[in-house]
Protein backbone atom coordinates (compact mmCIF):
# COMPACT_ATOMS: atom_id res chain seq x y z
CA UNK A 1 31.93 17.88 18.69
CA UNK A 2 30.75 15.41 21.30
CA UNK A 3 28.56 12.58 19.97
CA UNK A 4 26.93 9.97 22.18
CA UNK A 5 24.98 7.10 20.65
CA UNK A 6 21.81 6.14 22.52
CA UNK A 7 20.40 2.62 22.71
CA UNK A 8 17.30 2.61 20.45
CA UNK A 9 15.73 0.06 22.82
CA UNK A 10 14.80 3.00 25.06
CA UNK A 11 11.69 2.94 22.89
CA UNK A 12 9.90 -0.31 22.25
CA UNK A 13 10.17 -1.61 18.67
CA UNK A 14 6.48 -1.23 17.86
CA UNK A 15 6.63 2.46 18.70
CA UNK A 16 9.64 3.08 16.48
CA UNK A 17 8.13 1.52 13.35
CA UNK A 18 5.67 3.76 11.57
CA UNK A 19 3.49 3.00 8.57
CA UNK A 20 2.93 6.15 6.54
CA UNK A 21 -0.12 5.54 4.34
CA UNK A 22 -0.03 8.66 2.18
CA UNK A 23 3.13 10.54 1.40
CA UNK A 24 4.70 12.15 -1.62
CA UNK A 25 8.26 11.68 -2.84
CA UNK A 26 8.72 15.19 -4.24
CA UNK A 27 12.40 14.89 -5.18
CA UNK A 28 12.76 11.19 -5.97
CA UNK A 29 15.47 9.00 -4.44
CA UNK A 30 18.62 10.98 -3.71
CA UNK A 31 21.75 9.03 -4.60
CA UNK A 32 24.72 8.67 -2.24
CA UNK A 33 27.65 11.02 -2.34
CA UNK A 34 31.33 10.45 -1.59
CA UNK A 35 30.84 11.02 2.15
CA UNK A 36 27.80 8.77 2.72
CA UNK A 37 27.04 5.38 1.19
CA UNK A 38 23.30 5.49 1.75
CA UNK A 39 20.53 6.80 -0.45
CA UNK A 40 17.97 9.17 1.06
CA UNK A 41 14.41 10.14 0.29
CA UNK A 42 12.40 13.09 1.54
CA UNK A 43 8.78 12.23 2.28
CA UNK A 44 6.11 14.92 2.23
CA UNK A 45 3.70 13.99 5.01
CA UNK A 46 0.01 14.76 4.55
CA UNK A 47 -1.29 12.93 7.63
CA UNK A 48 -0.96 15.26 10.63
CA UNK A 49 -1.39 12.27 12.97
CA UNK A 50 1.95 10.89 11.67
CA UNK A 51 3.62 14.24 12.37
CA UNK A 52 2.12 14.24 15.88
CA UNK A 53 3.18 10.62 16.45
CA UNK A 54 6.82 11.34 15.52
CA UNK A 55 6.90 14.51 17.66
CA UNK A 56 5.34 12.60 20.58
CA UNK A 57 7.94 9.85 20.16
CA UNK A 58 10.68 12.49 20.25
CA UNK A 59 9.20 13.90 23.47
CA UNK A 60 9.00 10.45 25.09
CA UNK A 61 12.62 9.85 24.17
CA UNK A 62 13.69 13.18 25.69
CA UNK A 63 11.82 12.32 28.91
CA UNK A 64 13.43 8.86 29.11
CA UNK A 65 16.91 10.27 28.58
CA UNK A 66 16.28 12.99 31.17
CA UNK A 67 15.28 10.26 33.67
CA UNK A 68 18.83 8.86 33.47
CA UNK A 69 20.39 9.58 36.88
CA UNK A 70 23.95 8.92 35.70
CA UNK A 71 24.20 12.05 33.56
CA UNK A 72 22.93 15.62 33.60
CA UNK A 73 20.94 16.14 30.43
CA UNK A 74 19.12 19.29 31.54
CA UNK A 75 20.33 21.26 28.49
CA UNK A 76 19.19 18.69 25.93
CA UNK A 77 16.75 19.56 23.14
CA UNK A 78 15.20 17.51 20.40
CA UNK A 79 16.30 18.21 16.85
CA UNK A 80 13.04 17.12 15.28
CA UNK A 81 13.03 14.63 12.45
CA UNK A 82 10.18 16.62 10.94
CA UNK A 83 11.15 19.55 8.75
CA UNK A 84 8.32 22.03 8.20
CA UNK A 85 8.24 24.84 5.66
CA UNK A 86 5.57 26.67 3.65
CA UNK A 87 5.12 23.58 1.43
CA UNK A 88 4.33 21.22 4.30
CA UNK A 89 5.87 18.67 6.66
CA UNK A 90 8.79 16.51 5.51
CA UNK A 91 10.65 13.53 6.93
CA UNK A 92 14.05 12.53 5.52
CA UNK A 93 14.72 8.81 5.65
CA UNK A 94 17.71 6.71 4.67
CA UNK A 95 17.56 3.91 2.16
CA UNK A 96 19.94 1.49 3.89
CA UNK A 97 22.74 -0.20 1.98
CA UNK A 98 24.08 -3.42 3.50
CA UNK A 99 27.05 -5.16 1.86
CA UNK A 100 26.63 -2.95 -1.23
CA UNK A 101 22.96 -3.93 -1.61
CA UNK A 102 19.92 -1.79 -0.91
CA UNK A 103 17.89 -3.44 1.83
CA UNK A 104 14.72 -1.38 1.38
CA UNK A 105 11.97 -3.20 -0.51
CA UNK A 106 10.35 -1.30 -3.39
CA UNK A 107 6.98 -2.18 -4.93
CA UNK A 108 4.87 -0.76 -7.75
CA UNK A 109 1.11 -0.16 -7.79
CA UNK A 110 0.47 -3.89 -8.34
CA UNK A 111 2.75 -4.90 -5.44
CA UNK A 112 5.42 -6.18 -7.84
CA UNK A 113 9.07 -5.70 -6.85
CA UNK A 114 10.77 -2.77 -8.56
CA UNK A 115 14.13 -1.02 -8.32
CA UNK A 116 14.79 2.23 -6.48
CA UNK A 117 15.45 3.77 -9.92
CA UNK A 118 11.78 3.19 -10.81
CA UNK A 119 10.77 5.77 -8.18
CA UNK A 120 10.22 9.17 -9.79
CA UNK A 121 9.93 12.73 -8.55
CA UNK A 122 6.35 13.39 -7.50
CA UNK A 123 5.36 9.76 -6.91
CA UNK A 124 3.00 8.97 -4.05
CA UNK A 125 3.73 6.06 -1.75
CA UNK A 126 2.95 4.04 1.33
CA UNK A 127 6.11 3.77 3.37
CA UNK A 128 7.19 1.77 6.39
CA UNK A 129 9.96 3.52 8.33
CA UNK A 130 11.79 2.67 11.53
CA UNK A 131 14.09 4.49 13.91
CA UNK A 132 17.29 2.60 14.52
CA UNK A 133 19.84 5.29 15.30
CA UNK A 134 19.48 7.75 18.14
CA UNK A 135 22.32 9.97 19.25
CA UNK A 136 23.16 13.19 21.06
CA UNK A 137 25.23 15.78 19.22
CA UNK A 138 25.79 19.36 20.44
CA UNK A 139 23.12 18.93 23.16
CA UNK A 140 20.52 17.83 20.61
CA UNK A 141 18.86 14.43 20.43
CA UNK A 142 18.69 13.24 16.84
CA UNK A 143 16.69 10.27 15.57
CA UNK A 144 17.61 8.81 12.18
CA UNK A 145 14.88 7.01 10.26
CA UNK A 146 15.31 4.28 7.65
CA UNK A 147 12.86 3.01 5.05
CA UNK A 148 12.00 -0.66 5.30
CA UNK A 149 9.49 -0.65 2.45
CA UNK A 150 8.23 1.84 -0.15
CA UNK A 151 5.19 0.98 -2.26
CA UNK A 152 3.88 3.29 -4.95
CA UNK A 153 0.19 4.19 -4.74
CA UNK A 154 -2.11 5.81 -7.28
CA UNK A 155 -4.20 7.89 -4.88
CA UNK A 156 -2.52 9.82 -2.14
CA UNK A 157 -5.14 11.91 -0.43
């Protein structure tokens, strides 16, 4: 298994930070396991423009990597960050843990700080995510997203 980490600065910072206004947290916050220290959350995306923006970003990244004259990347594909099934479009994001502390900010409906454990299955949220890890594995470009902020909202759609 050959893994090559890509400099995330290939994309400008403003393009790799995305504010998702309306999303659902259908499964709650998934706790870390023995292999990984980070928490994860699956976001159900309702806004098709967010899905298009992420897919466009993935395409731009593929083009920039293919423009690299030092390597032959002709066989590369994008492993999309968006997972689509009959229930909709989903984006899995990490809840980063730095020095044993969760760095994602969580807020309730009144913009008061809350804990990740206050997030429940089925909650709706506004979420700010950013791409900070980009790598190539098995001829696929993979972008990993992290949550900077999750705020619960009462109305999603």
